[in-house]
Each structure stands twice: as structure tokens, then as C-alpha cells.
C-alpha atoms as a PDB file:
ATOM      1  CA  UNK A   1     -17.124  -0.261  16.076  1.00  0.00           C
ATOM      2  CA  UNK A   2     -14.816   2.437  17.460  1.00  0.00           C
ATOM      3  CA  UNK A   3     -12.691  -0.232  19.175  1.00  0.00           C
ATOM      4  CA  UNK A   4     -12.407  -2.080  15.879  1.00  0.00           C
ATOM      5  CA  UNK A   5     -11.104   0.983  14.049  1.00  0.00           C
ATOM      6  CA  UNK A   6      -8.631   1.776  16.851  1.00  0.00           C
ATOM      7  CA  UNK A   7      -7.226  -1.752  16.524  1.00  0.00           C
ATOM      8  CA  UNK A   8      -7.252  -1.419  12.740  1.00  0.00           C
ATOM      9  CA  UNK A   9      -5.201   1.786  12.890  1.00  0.00           C
ATOM     10  CA  UNK A  10      -2.784   0.206  15.360  1.00  0.00           C
ATOM     11  CA  UNK A  11      -2.250  -2.689  12.976  1.00  0.00           C
ATOM     12  CA  UNK A  12      -1.607  -0.225  10.156  1.00  0.00           C
ATOM     13  CA  UNK A  13       1.034   1.546  12.259  1.00  0.00           C
ATOM     14  CA  UNK A  14       2.727  -1.775  13.010  1.00  0.00           C
ATOM     15  CA  UNK A  15       2.781  -2.609   9.309  1.00  0.00           C
ATOM     16  CA  UNK A  16       4.118   0.847   8.501  1.00  0.00           C
ATOM     17  CA  UNK A  17       7.154   0.228  10.707  1.00  0.00           C
ATOM     18  CA  UNK A  18       7.855  -3.163   9.154  1.00  0.00           C
ATOM     19  CA  UNK A  19      10.452  -3.728   6.436  1.00  0.00           C
ATOM     20  CA  UNK A  20      11.241  -7.323   5.551  1.00  0.00           C
ATOM     21  CA  UNK A  21      14.802  -8.734   5.779  1.00  0.00           C
ATOM     22  CA  UNK A  22      14.761  -9.152   1.983  1.00  0.00           C
ATOM     23  CA  UNK A  23      13.969  -5.467   1.500  1.00  0.00           C
ATOM     24  CA  UNK A  24      16.634  -4.505   4.042  1.00  0.00           C
ATOM     25  CA  UNK A  25      19.163  -6.511   2.005  1.00  0.00           C
ATOM     26  CA  UNK A  26      18.053  -4.801  -1.209  1.00  0.00           C
ATOM     27  CA  UNK A  27      18.305  -1.394   0.482  1.00  0.00           C
ATOM     28  CA  UNK A  28      21.839  -2.213   1.636  1.00  0.00           C
ATOM     29  CA  UNK A  29      22.686  -3.125  -1.970  1.00  0.00           C
ATOM     30  CA  UNK A  30      21.180   0.145  -3.179  1.00  0.00           C
ATOM     31  CA  UNK A  31      23.076   2.156  -0.575  1.00  0.00           C
ATOM     32  CA  UNK A  32      26.325   0.457  -1.629  1.00  0.00           C
ATOM     33  CA  UNK A  33      25.622   1.315  -5.270  1.00  0.00           C
ATOM     34  CA  UNK A  34      25.040   4.969  -4.352  1.00  0.00           C
ATOM     35  CA  UNK A  35      28.385   5.020  -2.530  1.00  0.00           C
ATOM     36  CA  UNK A  36      30.126   3.319  -5.453  1.00  0.00           C
ATOM     37  CA  UNK A  37      28.823   5.849  -7.982  1.00  0.00           C
ATOM     38  CA  UNK A  38      29.126   8.937  -5.786  1.00  0.00           C
ATOM     39  CA  UNK A  39      30.263  11.821  -8.006  1.00  0.00           C
ATOM     40  CA  UNK A  40      29.260   9.946 -11.176  1.00  0.00           C
ATOM     41  CA  UNK A  41      26.150   9.791 -13.319  1.00  0.00           C
ATOM     42  CA  UNK A  42      24.220   6.561 -12.759  1.00  0.00           C
ATOM     43  CA  UNK A  43      20.571   5.638 -13.358  1.00  0.00           C
ATOM     44  CA  UNK A  44      19.005   3.107 -10.986  1.00  0.00           C
ATOM     45  CA  UNK A  45      15.432   1.824 -11.251  1.00  0.00           C
ATOM     46  CA  UNK A  46      13.978   0.675  -7.917  1.00  0.00           C
ATOM     47  CA  UNK A  47      10.890  -1.381  -8.670  1.00  0.00           C
ATOM     48  CA  UNK A  48       8.212  -1.372  -5.965  1.00  0.00           C
ATOM     49  CA  UNK A  49       4.500  -1.902  -6.623  1.00  0.00           C
ATOM     50  CA  UNK A  50       3.136  -0.429  -3.399  1.00  0.00           C
ATOM     51  CA  UNK A  51       3.202   3.273  -2.583  1.00  0.00           C
ATOM     52  CA  UNK A  52       3.179   2.851   1.201  1.00  0.00           C
ATOM     53  CA  UNK A  53       6.061   0.381   1.087  1.00  0.00           C
ATOM     54  CA  UNK A  54       7.965   2.630  -1.324  1.00  0.00           C
ATOM     55  CA  UNK A  55       7.680   5.607   1.025  1.00  0.00           C
ATOM     56  CA  UNK A  56       8.950   3.500   3.943  1.00  0.00           C
ATOM     57  CA  UNK A  57      11.870   2.268   1.853  1.00  0.00           C
ATOM     58  CA  UNK A  58      12.838   5.831   0.897  1.00  0.00           C
ATOM     59  CA  UNK A  59      12.768   6.840   4.572  1.00  0.00           C
ATOM     60  CA  UNK A  60      14.778   3.785   5.582  1.00  0.00           C
ATOM     61  CA  UNK A  61      17.349   4.431   2.836  1.00  0.00           C
ATOM     62  CA  UNK A  62      17.915   7.910   4.257  1.00  0.00           C
ATOM     63  CA  UNK A  63      18.525   6.315   7.668  1.00  0.00           C
ATOM     64  CA  UNK A  64      21.101   3.747   6.560  1.00  0.00           C
ATOM     65  CA  UNK A  65      22.972   5.734   3.892  1.00  0.00           C
ATOM     66  CA  UNK A  66      26.052   7.575   5.214  1.00  0.00           C
ATOM     67  CA  UNK A  67      25.354  10.700   3.136  1.00  0.00           C
ATOM     68  CA  UNK A  68      22.129  12.741   2.763  1.00  0.00           C
ATOM     69  CA  UNK A  69      20.017  11.888  -0.275  1.00  0.00           C
ATOM     70  CA  UNK A  70      18.080  14.603  -2.095  1.00  0.00           C
ATOM     71  CA  UNK A  71      14.431  13.600  -2.607  1.00  0.00           C
ATOM     72  CA  UNK A  72      12.265  14.793  -5.501  1.00  0.00           C
ATOM     73  CA  UNK A  73       8.527  14.145  -5.904  1.00  0.00           C
ATOM     74  CA  UNK A  74       7.144  14.578  -9.418  1.00  0.00           C
ATOM     75  CA  UNK A  75       3.741  16.322  -9.819  1.00  0.00           C
ATOM     76  CA  UNK A  76       0.940  14.502 -11.675  1.00  0.00           C
ATOM     77  CA  UNK A  77       0.676  17.145 -14.405  1.00  0.00           C
ATOM     78  CA  UNK A  78       4.353  16.918 -15.366  1.00  0.00           C
ATOM     79  CA  UNK A  79       5.505  16.287 -18.948  1.00  0.00           C
ATOM     80  CA  UNK A  80       8.922  17.997 -19.097  1.00  0.00           C
ATOM     81  CA  UNK A  81      10.635  15.728 -16.575  1.00  0.00           C
ATOM     82  CA  UNK A  82      14.214  16.821 -17.195  1.00  0.00           C
ATOM     83  CA  UNK A  83      13.537  20.539 -16.740  1.00  0.00           C
ATOM     84  CA  UNK A  84      11.575  19.908 -13.556  1.00  0.00           C
ATOM     85  CA  UNK A  85      14.209  17.609 -12.024  1.00  0.00           C
ATOM     86  CA  UNK A  86      17.057  20.009 -12.769  1.00  0.00           C
ATOM     87  CA  UNK A  87      15.032  22.831 -11.244  1.00  0.00           C
ATOM     88  CA  UNK A  88      14.752  20.843  -7.995  1.00  0.00           C
ATOM     89  CA  UNK A  89      18.493  20.214  -7.644  1.00  0.00           C
ATOM     90  CA  UNK A  90      20.257  22.440  -5.066  1.00  0.00           C
ATOM     91  CA  UNK A  91      23.184  24.666  -6.079  1.00  0.00           C
ATOM     92  CA  UNK A  92      25.632  22.312  -4.388  1.00  0.00           C
ATOM     93  CA  UNK A  93      25.462  18.957  -6.240  1.00  0.00           C
ATOM     94  CA  UNK A  94      23.896  16.254  -4.034  1.00  0.00           C
ATOM     95  CA  UNK A  95      25.548  12.949  -3.168  1.00  0.00           C
ATOM     96  CA  UNK A  96      22.549  11.135  -4.653  1.00  0.00           C
ATOM     97  CA  UNK A  97      18.957  11.800  -5.746  1.00  0.00           C
ATOM     98  CA  UNK A  98      15.788   9.729  -5.385  1.00  0.00           C
ATOM     99  CA  UNK A  99      12.767  10.480  -7.565  1.00  0.00           C
ATOM    100  CA  UNK A 100       9.226   9.227  -6.930  1.00  0.00           C
ATOM    101  CA  UNK A 101       5.890  10.018  -8.514  1.00  0.00           C
ATOM    102  CA  UNK A 102       6.612   8.842 -12.068  1.00  0.00           C
ATOM    103  CA  UNK A 103       3.893   6.181 -11.669  1.00  0.00           C
ATOM    104  CA  UNK A 104       1.245   8.811 -10.910  1.00  0.00           C
ATOM    105  CA  UNK A 105       1.977  11.192 -13.812  1.00  0.00           C
ATOM    106  CA  UNK A 106      -1.208  11.731 -15.832  1.00  0.00           C
ATOM    107  CA  UNK A 107       0.487  11.674 -19.269  1.00  0.00           C
ATOM    108  CA  UNK A 108       3.138   9.052 -18.609  1.00  0.00           C
ATOM    109  CA  UNK A 109       3.790   8.484 -22.321  1.00  0.00           C
ATOM    110  CA  UNK A 110       4.808  12.121 -22.833  1.00  0.00           C
ATOM    111  CA  UNK A 111       6.954  12.070 -19.673  1.00  0.00           C
ATOM    112  CA  UNK A 112       8.790   8.941 -20.814  1.00  0.00           C
ATOM    113  CA  UNK A 113       9.404  10.380 -24.259  1.00  0.00           C
ATOM    114  CA  UNK A 114      10.994  13.377 -22.526  1.00  0.00           C
ATOM    115  CA  UNK A 115      13.231  11.052 -20.489  1.00  0.00           C
ATOM    116  CA  UNK A 116      14.328   9.223 -23.616  1.00  0.00           C
ATOM    117  CA  UNK A 117      15.077  12.433 -25.529  1.00  0.00           C
ATOM    118  CA  UNK A 118      17.026  13.920 -22.612  1.00  0.00           C
ATOM    119  CA  UNK A 119      19.076  10.854 -21.694  1.00  0.00           C
ATOM    120  CA  UNK A 120      22.342  12.467 -22.823  1.00  0.00           C
ATOM    121  CA  UNK A 121      21.393  15.756 -21.169  1.00  0.00           C
ATOM    122  CA  UNK A 122      20.907  13.982 -17.857  1.00  0.00           C
ATOM    123  CA  UNK A 123      24.340  12.390 -18.176  1.00  0.00           C
ATOM    124  CA  UNK A 124      26.029  15.673 -19.056  1.00  0.00           C
ATOM    125  CA  UNK A 125      24.492  17.644 -16.186  1.00  0.00           C
ATOM    126  CA  UNK A 126      23.942  15.164 -13.355  1.00  0.00           C
ATOM    127  CA  UNK A 127      27.255  13.949 -11.838  1.00  0.00           C
ATOM    128  CA  UNK A 128      25.517  11.822  -9.199  1.00  0.00           C
ATOM    129  CA  UNK A 129      23.443   8.634  -9.047  1.00  0.00           C
ATOM    130  CA  UNK A 130      19.685   8.998  -9.553  1.00  0.00           C
ATOM    131  CA  UNK A 131      17.224   6.455  -8.155  1.00  0.00           C
ATOM    132  CA  UNK A 132      13.850   6.283  -9.897  1.00  0.00           C
ATOM    133  CA  UNK A 133      11.144   4.573  -7.810  1.00  0.00           C
ATOM    134  CA  UNK A 134       8.710   2.891 -10.207  1.00  0.00           C
ATOM    135  CA  UNK A 135       6.166   0.090 -10.398  1.00  0.00           C
ATOM    136  CA  UNK A 136       6.521  -2.979 -12.617  1.00  0.00           C
ATOM    137  CA  UNK A 137       3.834  -1.513 -14.880  1.00  0.00           C
ATOM    138  CA  UNK A 138       5.797   1.718 -15.332  1.00  0.00           C
ATOM    139  CA  UNK A 139       8.961  -0.303 -15.961  1.00  0.00           C
ATOM    140  CA  UNK A 140       7.236  -2.119 -18.830  1.00  0.00           C
ATOM    141  CA  UNK A 141       6.173   1.237 -20.270  1.00  0.00           C
ATOM    142  CA  UNK A 142       9.726   2.567 -19.966  1.00  0.00           C
ATOM    143  CA  UNK A 143      11.006  -0.429 -21.942  1.00  0.00           C
ATOM    144  CA  UNK A 144       8.483   0.298 -24.721  1.00  0.00           C
ATOM    145  CA  UNK A 145       8.571   4.100 -24.767  1.00  0.00           C
ATOM    146  CA  UNK A 146      12.061   5.018 -23.519  1.00  0.00           C
ATOM    147  CA  UNK A 147      14.301   2.097 -24.540  1.00  0.00           C
ATOM    148  CA  UNK A 148      17.442   4.243 -24.859  1.00  0.00           C
ATOM    149  CA  UNK A 149      16.965   5.594 -21.335  1.00  0.00           C
ATOM    150  CA  UNK A 150      16.220   2.109 -19.980  1.00  0.00           C
ATOM    151  CA  UNK A 151      19.360   0.639 -21.574  1.00  0.00           C
ATOM    152  CA  UNK A 152      21.485   2.814 -19.256  1.00  0.00           C
ATOM    153  CA  UNK A 153      19.767   1.689 -16.070  1.00  0.00           C
ATOM    154  CA  UNK A 154      20.423  -0.849 -13.346  1.00  0.00           C
ATOM    155  CA  UNK A 155      17.315  -2.370 -11.752  1.00  0.00           C
ATOM    156  CA  UNK A 156      16.588  -3.462  -8.189  1.00  0.00           C
ATOM    157  CA  UNK A 157      13.342  -5.102  -7.055  1.00  0.00           C
ATOM    158  CA  UNK A 158      11.625  -4.466  -3.724  1.00  0.00           C
ATOM    159  CA  UNK A 159       8.875  -7.025  -3.150  1.00  0.00           C
ATOM    160  CA  UNK A 160       6.284  -6.779  -0.403  1.00  0.00           C
ATOM    161  CA  UNK A 161       6.525  -9.444   2.309  1.00  0.00           C
ATOM    162  CA  UNK A 162       3.837 -12.137   2.072  1.00  0.00           C
ATOM    163  CA  UNK A 163       2.703 -11.745   5.684  1.00  0.00           C
ATOM    164  CA  UNK A 164       2.389  -7.973   5.233  1.00  0.00           C
ATOM    165  CA  UNK A 165       0.371  -8.445   2.054  1.00  0.00           C
ATOM    166  CA  UNK A 166      -2.038 -10.943   3.624  1.00  0.00           C
ATOM    167  CA  UNK A 167      -2.433  -8.992   6.866  1.00  0.00           C
ATOM    168  CA  UNK A 168      -3.129  -5.759   5.008  1.00  0.00           C
ATOM    169  CA  UNK A 169      -5.756  -7.361   2.770  1.00  0.00           C
ATOM    170  CA  UNK A 170      -7.443  -9.121   5.692  1.00  0.00           C
ATOM    171  CA  UNK A 171      -7.528  -6.062   7.972  1.00  0.00           C
ATOM    172  CA  UNK A 172      -8.489  -3.806   5.100  1.00  0.00           C
ATOM    173  CA  UNK A 173     -11.359  -6.072   4.018  1.00  0.00           C
ATOM    174  CA  UNK A 174     -12.773  -6.098   7.530  1.00  0.00           C
ATOM    175  CA  UNK A 175     -12.536  -2.312   7.706  1.00  0.00           C
ATOM    176  CA  UNK A 176     -14.200  -2.002   4.304  1.00  0.00           C
ATOM    177  CA  UNK A 177     -17.210  -4.088   5.339  1.00  0.00           C
ATOM    178  CA  UNK A 178     -17.476  -2.258   8.654  1.00  0.00           C
ATOM    179  CA  UNK A 179     -17.531   1.052   6.777  1.00  0.00           C
ATOM    180  CA  UNK A 180     -19.980  -0.018   4.077  1.00  0.00           C
ATOM    181  CA  UNK A 181     -22.425  -1.800   6.411  1.00  0.00           C
ATOM    182  CA  UNK A 182     -22.432   0.848   9.149  1.00  0.00           C
ATOM    183  CA  UNK A 183     -25.792   2.694   9.498  1.00  0.00           C
ATOM    184  CA  UNK A 184     -25.627   5.873   7.441  1.00  0.00           C
ATOM    185  CA  UNK A 185     -27.636   8.129   5.168  1.00  0.00           C
ATOM    186  CA  UNK A 186     -24.901   7.812   2.532  1.00  0.00           C
ATOM    187  CA  UNK A 187     -25.943   5.392  -0.279  1.00  0.00           C
ATOM    188  CA  UNK A 188     -24.087   2.071  -0.525  1.00  0.00           C
ATOM    189  CA  UNK A 189     -22.470   2.849  -3.896  1.00  0.00           C
ATOM    190  CA  UNK A 190     -21.162   6.188  -2.633  1.00  0.00           C
ATOM    191  CA  UNK A 191     -19.597   4.468   0.366  1.00  0.00           C
ATOM    192  CA  UNK A 192     -17.736   2.148  -1.991  1.00  0.00           C
ATOM    193  CA  UNK A 193     -16.400   5.168  -3.890  1.00  0.00           C
ATOM    194  CA  UNK A 194     -15.004   6.513  -0.601  1.00  0.00           C
ATOM    195  CA  UNK A 195     -12.701   3.480  -0.218  1.00  0.00           C
ATOM    196  CA  UNK A 196      -9.149   4.360  -1.232  1.00  0.00           C
ATOM    197  CA  UNK A 197      -7.225   1.481   0.314  1.00  0.00           C
ATOM    198  CA  UNK A 198      -7.370  -1.944   1.938  1.00  0.00           C
ATOM    199  CA  UNK A 199      -4.941  -1.640   4.805  1.00  0.00           C
ATOM    200  CA  UNK A 200      -1.758  -0.248   3.292  1.00  0.00           C
ATOM    201  CA  UNK A 201      -2.722  -1.468  -0.198  1.00  0.00           C
ATOM    202  CA  UNK A 202      -4.207   1.239  -2.421  1.00  0.00           C
ATOM    203  CA  UNK A 203      -7.307   0.250  -4.405  1.00  0.00           C
ATOM    204  CA  UNK A 204      -5.341   0.797  -7.610  1.00  0.00           C
ATOM    205  CA  UNK A 205      -2.719  -1.688  -6.358  1.00  0.00           C
ATOM    206  CA  UNK A 206      -5.139  -4.577  -5.775  1.00  0.00           C
ATOM    207  CA  UNK A 207      -4.372  -6.131  -9.163  1.00  0.00           C
ATOM    208  CA  UNK A 208      -0.676  -6.240  -8.245  1.00  0.00           C
ATOM    209  CA  UNK A 209      -1.516  -7.672  -4.819  1.00  0.00           C
ATOM    210  CA  UNK A 210      -3.594 -10.505  -6.271  1.00  0.00           C
ATOM    211  CA  UNK A 211      -0.906 -11.239  -8.864  1.00  0.00           C
ATOM    212  CA  UNK A 212       1.782 -11.329  -6.158  1.00  0.00           C
ATOM    213  CA  UNK A 213      -0.295 -13.801  -4.155  1.00  0.00           C
ATOM    214  CA  UNK A 214      -0.850 -15.973  -7.227  1.00  0.00           C
ATOM    215  CA  UNK A 215       2.846 -15.917  -8.148  1.00  0.00           C
ATOM    216  CA  UNK A 216       3.619 -17.171  -4.635  1.00  0.00           C
ATOM    217  CA  UNK A 217       1.098 -19.992  -4.914  1.00  0.00           C
ATOM    218  CA  UNK A 218      -1.324 -18.417  -2.436  1.00  0.00           C
ATOM    219  CA  UNK A 219      -5.053 -17.820  -2.640  1.00  0.00           C
ATOM    220  CA  UNK A 220      -7.236 -15.465  -0.637  1.00  0.00           C
ATOM    221  CA  UNK A 221      -9.459 -17.032   1.991  1.00  0.00           C
ATOM    222  CA  UNK A 222     -13.135 -17.217   0.890  1.00  0.00           C
ATOM    223  CA  UNK A 223     -14.139 -14.570   3.453  1.00  0.00           C
ATOM    224  CA  UNK A 224     -11.951 -12.034   1.585  1.00  0.00           C
END
């Protein structure tokens, strides 16, 4: 069992270093947009449904972009998004800003209303491009709740590679069964509650993963 988990963790590390050619192309496009709008206000929505992939993309963007990018992570309890973001900006205006965590905000409706109300305030006080990393679900909520804000945005999509998706689900499923079936005094149902991810896919992202597979005409093997 210990050998299995060592191999499982090695596979996770390999996946964590992997960014598909399609995502590299989209990152190059994003980097070019940040250069183009340097010194100007610009809102960019980067759609990515998987937190692990998103974090790798943010790291990779820092590596390929010629100028440093200021990163902001929003706390779950946040409602006043504008005030928080402005408070995180350094005294010297950054070349560009990336913001993550909007997906995880507890009261997303209130946060999006704040974005919509403060659209003009953002433009008046932020002379730099801002990249918002969001899921497709959050994007749909932005369209409904903050349509004025959304109308000023440009959107880029970052899809997970099919081989990464399948490998993560397969390795994660095997790890899940190994964990649940291992001899333990912990009840079965409590073991299930301890599972937070399948490979690099978070439990809360499984619906997106299955939809992505279906959209690509793929089905999970019966053993999964």
C-alpha cells in the first residue's frame, strides 16, 4: 500500500508540472494582452474550471511574462471586493494584476453586486489590466448578477487536457478505494468525508470533469 501511494504522489507531481500546448498558447495570448494594455485599465476573465490547473497557469504566466504580475487572492468571507482589491495594490502601480478566489467566496451574489456597482470606480483608479480567474459557473453568475461589469470584459478559456483529466480521475479513483478499503477503526462513511480530491480534481469539480468528458465524446471506464 505504501508503494502505491508513493507512485500515486509521483504521478500527481508529474501532472502538476504539465501544461498542455493549447493552454500554453492561451497563456501567450494572455501575456500579449497584458503587454498591449500596460498602463491602461482592462478587465480580462480567464475561465478555468480546475483549481490546481489554475494555480499552475498563474505560476506559468509569471514565468513567461516580461514584467512582474501582482497576485491577489480573495478571502472566502469577502463581500466588498473593490475595497479589498485596492487595499492589496502596492503604492507603485503594478504592470498587471491577477485575482483568484472569486469562485470560493461564500456570498458570491453580494460580491458580484459590489463588482457591478464599482465598475466605474475600478476604471477610474486602476490604470492597469486586471485578470480575474473564474470558473464557467462563476462566469454564468457574473452575466446574471453583474452584466455591466461583464460587458467590459474580454474572456479567455483554459481547458484541461483530456489525458490529464482521465489520468487524474483514474489515479484518484484507485487512491480513493485504497483509502476507503484499508483496515481502520474509522467508519466507512467518515472515510468518504475525508476525500477532498481525485488526483488533481477537487471533489467539488467532479461535475465539471464529467461534463468535460461528455462534451469530448468520452465516457469513464466501468471500473471508475
